[in-house]
N, C-alpha and C. Protein backbone atom coordinates (compact mmCIF):
# COMPACT_ATOMS: atom_id res chain seq x y z
N MET A 1 13.50 4.80 5.06
CA MET A 1 14.84 5.78 5.00
C MET A 1 14.45 6.96 5.74
N SER A 2 15.37 7.29 6.55
CA SER A 2 15.08 8.53 7.34
C SER A 2 16.34 9.67 7.15
N PHE A 3 15.98 10.75 7.17
CA PHE A 3 16.93 11.85 7.03
C PHE A 3 17.18 12.72 8.34
N SER A 4 18.34 13.11 8.60
CA SER A 4 18.49 13.97 9.84
C SER A 4 18.40 15.36 9.62
N SER A 5 18.48 15.78 8.12
CA SER A 5 18.20 17.26 8.17
C SER A 5 17.59 17.47 6.63
N PHE A 6 17.10 18.46 6.21
CA PHE A 6 16.43 18.77 4.90
C PHE A 6 17.56 18.71 3.93
N GLY A 7 18.90 19.13 4.18
CA GLY A 7 19.80 19.01 3.24
C GLY A 7 20.01 17.76 2.80
N GLU A 8 20.16 16.69 3.78
CA GLU A 8 20.38 15.30 3.48
C GLU A 8 19.11 14.66 2.70
N PHE A 9 17.88 15.34 2.98
CA PHE A 9 16.74 14.90 2.22
C PHE A 9 16.98 15.30 0.75
N LEU A 10 17.34 16.46 0.44
CA LEU A 10 17.63 17.05 -0.98
C LEU A 10 18.81 16.31 -1.56
N ALA A 11 19.78 15.87 -0.88
CA ALA A 11 20.81 15.14 -1.41
C ALA A 11 20.64 13.66 -1.81
N MET A 12 19.57 13.18 -0.91
CA MET A 12 19.09 11.76 -1.23
C MET A 12 20.41 10.75 -1.30
N GLY A 13 21.22 10.79 -0.34
CA GLY A 13 22.30 9.93 -0.25
C GLY A 13 23.11 10.04 -1.44
N HIS A 14 23.52 11.21 -2.01
CA HIS A 14 24.36 11.52 -3.17
C HIS A 14 23.59 11.10 -4.48
N HIS A 15 22.44 10.95 -4.48
CA HIS A 15 21.73 10.57 -5.72
C HIS A 15 20.58 11.71 -5.97
N GLY A 16 20.78 12.82 -5.18
CA GLY A 16 19.71 13.86 -5.32
C GLY A 16 19.51 14.50 -6.78
N LEU A 17 20.64 14.54 -7.50
CA LEU A 17 20.48 15.23 -8.76
C LEU A 17 19.80 14.26 -9.80
N TYR A 18 19.98 13.05 -9.68
CA TYR A 18 19.20 12.04 -10.52
C TYR A 18 17.71 12.03 -10.00
N VAL A 19 17.48 11.90 -8.72
CA VAL A 19 16.22 11.66 -8.25
C VAL A 19 15.35 12.96 -8.63
N TRP A 20 15.93 14.26 -8.32
CA TRP A 20 15.08 15.29 -8.38
C TRP A 20 15.02 15.70 -10.03
N SER A 21 15.94 15.35 -10.69
CA SER A 21 15.84 15.52 -12.20
C SER A 21 14.79 14.71 -12.77
N ALA A 22 14.68 13.45 -12.34
CA ALA A 22 13.60 12.52 -12.79
C ALA A 22 12.33 12.96 -12.46
N TYR A 23 12.21 13.50 -11.30
CA TYR A 23 10.86 14.17 -10.78
C TYR A 23 10.39 15.26 -11.76
N GLY A 24 11.54 16.16 -11.99
CA GLY A 24 11.27 17.19 -13.00
C GLY A 24 10.79 16.86 -14.35
N VAL A 25 11.54 15.84 -14.98
CA VAL A 25 11.07 15.27 -16.20
C VAL A 25 9.78 14.66 -16.18
N CYS A 26 9.46 13.98 -15.17
CA CYS A 26 7.96 13.44 -15.06
C CYS A 26 7.02 14.48 -14.91
N LEU A 27 7.35 15.60 -14.09
CA LEU A 27 6.42 16.74 -14.09
C LEU A 27 6.19 17.25 -15.54
N GLY A 28 7.18 17.49 -16.17
CA GLY A 28 7.18 18.02 -17.45
C GLY A 28 6.34 17.26 -18.46
N VAL A 29 6.57 16.12 -18.41
CA VAL A 29 5.77 15.17 -19.40
C VAL A 29 4.24 15.21 -18.96
N LEU A 30 3.93 15.38 -17.56
CA LEU A 30 2.60 15.37 -17.18
C LEU A 30 2.01 16.75 -17.66
N LEU A 31 2.65 17.97 -17.58
CA LEU A 31 2.33 19.08 -17.90
C LEU A 31 2.08 19.16 -19.53
N LEU A 32 2.85 18.65 -20.11
CA LEU A 32 2.65 18.51 -21.58
C LEU A 32 1.46 17.75 -22.08
N ASN A 33 1.32 16.56 -21.30
CA ASN A 33 0.04 15.73 -21.60
C ASN A 33 -1.26 16.44 -21.31
N LEU A 34 -1.28 17.37 -20.31
CA LEU A 34 -2.36 18.14 -19.88
C LEU A 34 -2.46 19.39 -20.94
N GLY A 35 -1.39 20.00 -21.13
CA GLY A 35 -1.43 21.31 -21.85
C GLY A 35 -1.64 21.17 -23.34
N LEU A 36 -1.06 20.33 -23.97
CA LEU A 36 -1.12 20.20 -25.53
C LEU A 36 -2.44 19.87 -26.03
N PRO A 37 -3.20 19.01 -25.39
CA PRO A 37 -4.49 18.66 -25.96
C PRO A 37 -5.49 19.88 -25.85
N ILE A 38 -5.26 20.61 -24.70
CA ILE A 38 -5.95 21.91 -24.38
C ILE A 38 -5.78 22.95 -25.58
N LEU A 39 -4.44 23.12 -25.87
CA LEU A 39 -4.10 23.94 -26.87
C LEU A 39 -4.60 23.70 -28.36
N ALA A 40 -4.41 22.29 -28.52
CA ALA A 40 -4.95 21.75 -29.78
C ALA A 40 -6.58 22.05 -29.95
N ARG A 41 -7.28 21.90 -28.85
CA ARG A 41 -8.71 22.05 -28.98
C ARG A 41 -8.98 23.55 -29.07
N LEU A 42 -8.13 24.41 -28.52
CA LEU A 42 -8.43 25.85 -28.70
C LEU A 42 -8.16 26.27 -30.28
N ARG A 43 -6.98 25.81 -30.67
CA ARG A 43 -6.77 26.05 -32.10
C ARG A 43 -7.68 25.48 -33.03
N TYR A 44 -8.25 24.26 -32.83
CA TYR A 44 -9.41 23.71 -33.52
C TYR A 44 -10.67 24.69 -33.51
N LEU A 45 -10.97 25.00 -32.29
CA LEU A 45 -12.18 25.91 -32.30
C LEU A 45 -12.01 27.10 -32.84
N GLN A 46 -10.80 27.78 -32.92
CA GLN A 46 -10.44 28.78 -33.46
C GLN A 46 -10.53 28.79 -35.09
N ASP A 47 -9.96 27.80 -35.62
CA ASP A 47 -10.05 27.53 -37.09
C ASP A 47 -11.54 27.25 -37.47
N GLU A 48 -12.41 26.54 -36.69
CA GLU A 48 -13.69 26.32 -37.15
C GLU A 48 -14.59 27.54 -37.03
N ALA A 49 -14.30 28.36 -36.07
CA ALA A 49 -14.94 29.75 -36.04
C ALA A 49 -14.63 30.63 -37.11
N ARG A 50 -13.40 30.62 -37.63
CA ARG A 50 -12.77 31.28 -38.74
C ARG A 50 -13.55 30.74 -40.10
N ARG A 51 -13.61 29.57 -40.06
CA ARG A 51 -14.18 28.82 -41.37
C ARG A 51 -15.66 29.19 -41.53
N MET A 52 -16.25 29.08 -40.19
CA MET A 52 -17.76 29.57 -40.25
C MET A 52 -17.91 30.95 -40.63
N ARG A 53 -17.25 31.95 -40.24
CA ARG A 53 -17.28 33.30 -40.60
C ARG A 53 -17.00 33.44 -42.13
N ARG A 54 -16.08 32.79 -42.51
CA ARG A 54 -15.83 32.84 -43.90
C ARG A 54 -16.95 32.31 -44.81
N GLU A 55 -17.62 31.30 -44.39
CA GLU A 55 -18.69 30.72 -45.15
C GLU A 55 -19.94 31.47 -45.17
N GLU A 56 -20.09 32.15 -44.00
CA GLU A 56 -21.32 33.21 -43.76
C GLU A 56 -21.03 34.40 -44.71
N SER A 57 -19.85 34.87 -45.04
CA SER A 57 -19.61 36.01 -45.67
C SER A 57 -19.63 35.78 -47.22
N LYS A 58 -19.85 34.45 -47.72
CA LYS A 58 -19.98 34.29 -49.06
C LYS A 58 -21.18 34.59 -49.63
């Protein structure tokens, strides 16, 4: 499939909205799959540090 202009490439034969929104959703899911475990790990480490400080102060 070849396009004669960048505008035609973006339009994707009048399917551009579907194509680009599908890419956007996939990118969003990938970012969530990367970001949520990192945030969960940071939250866990903060909770453990808080617990350790609490136990040391007793």
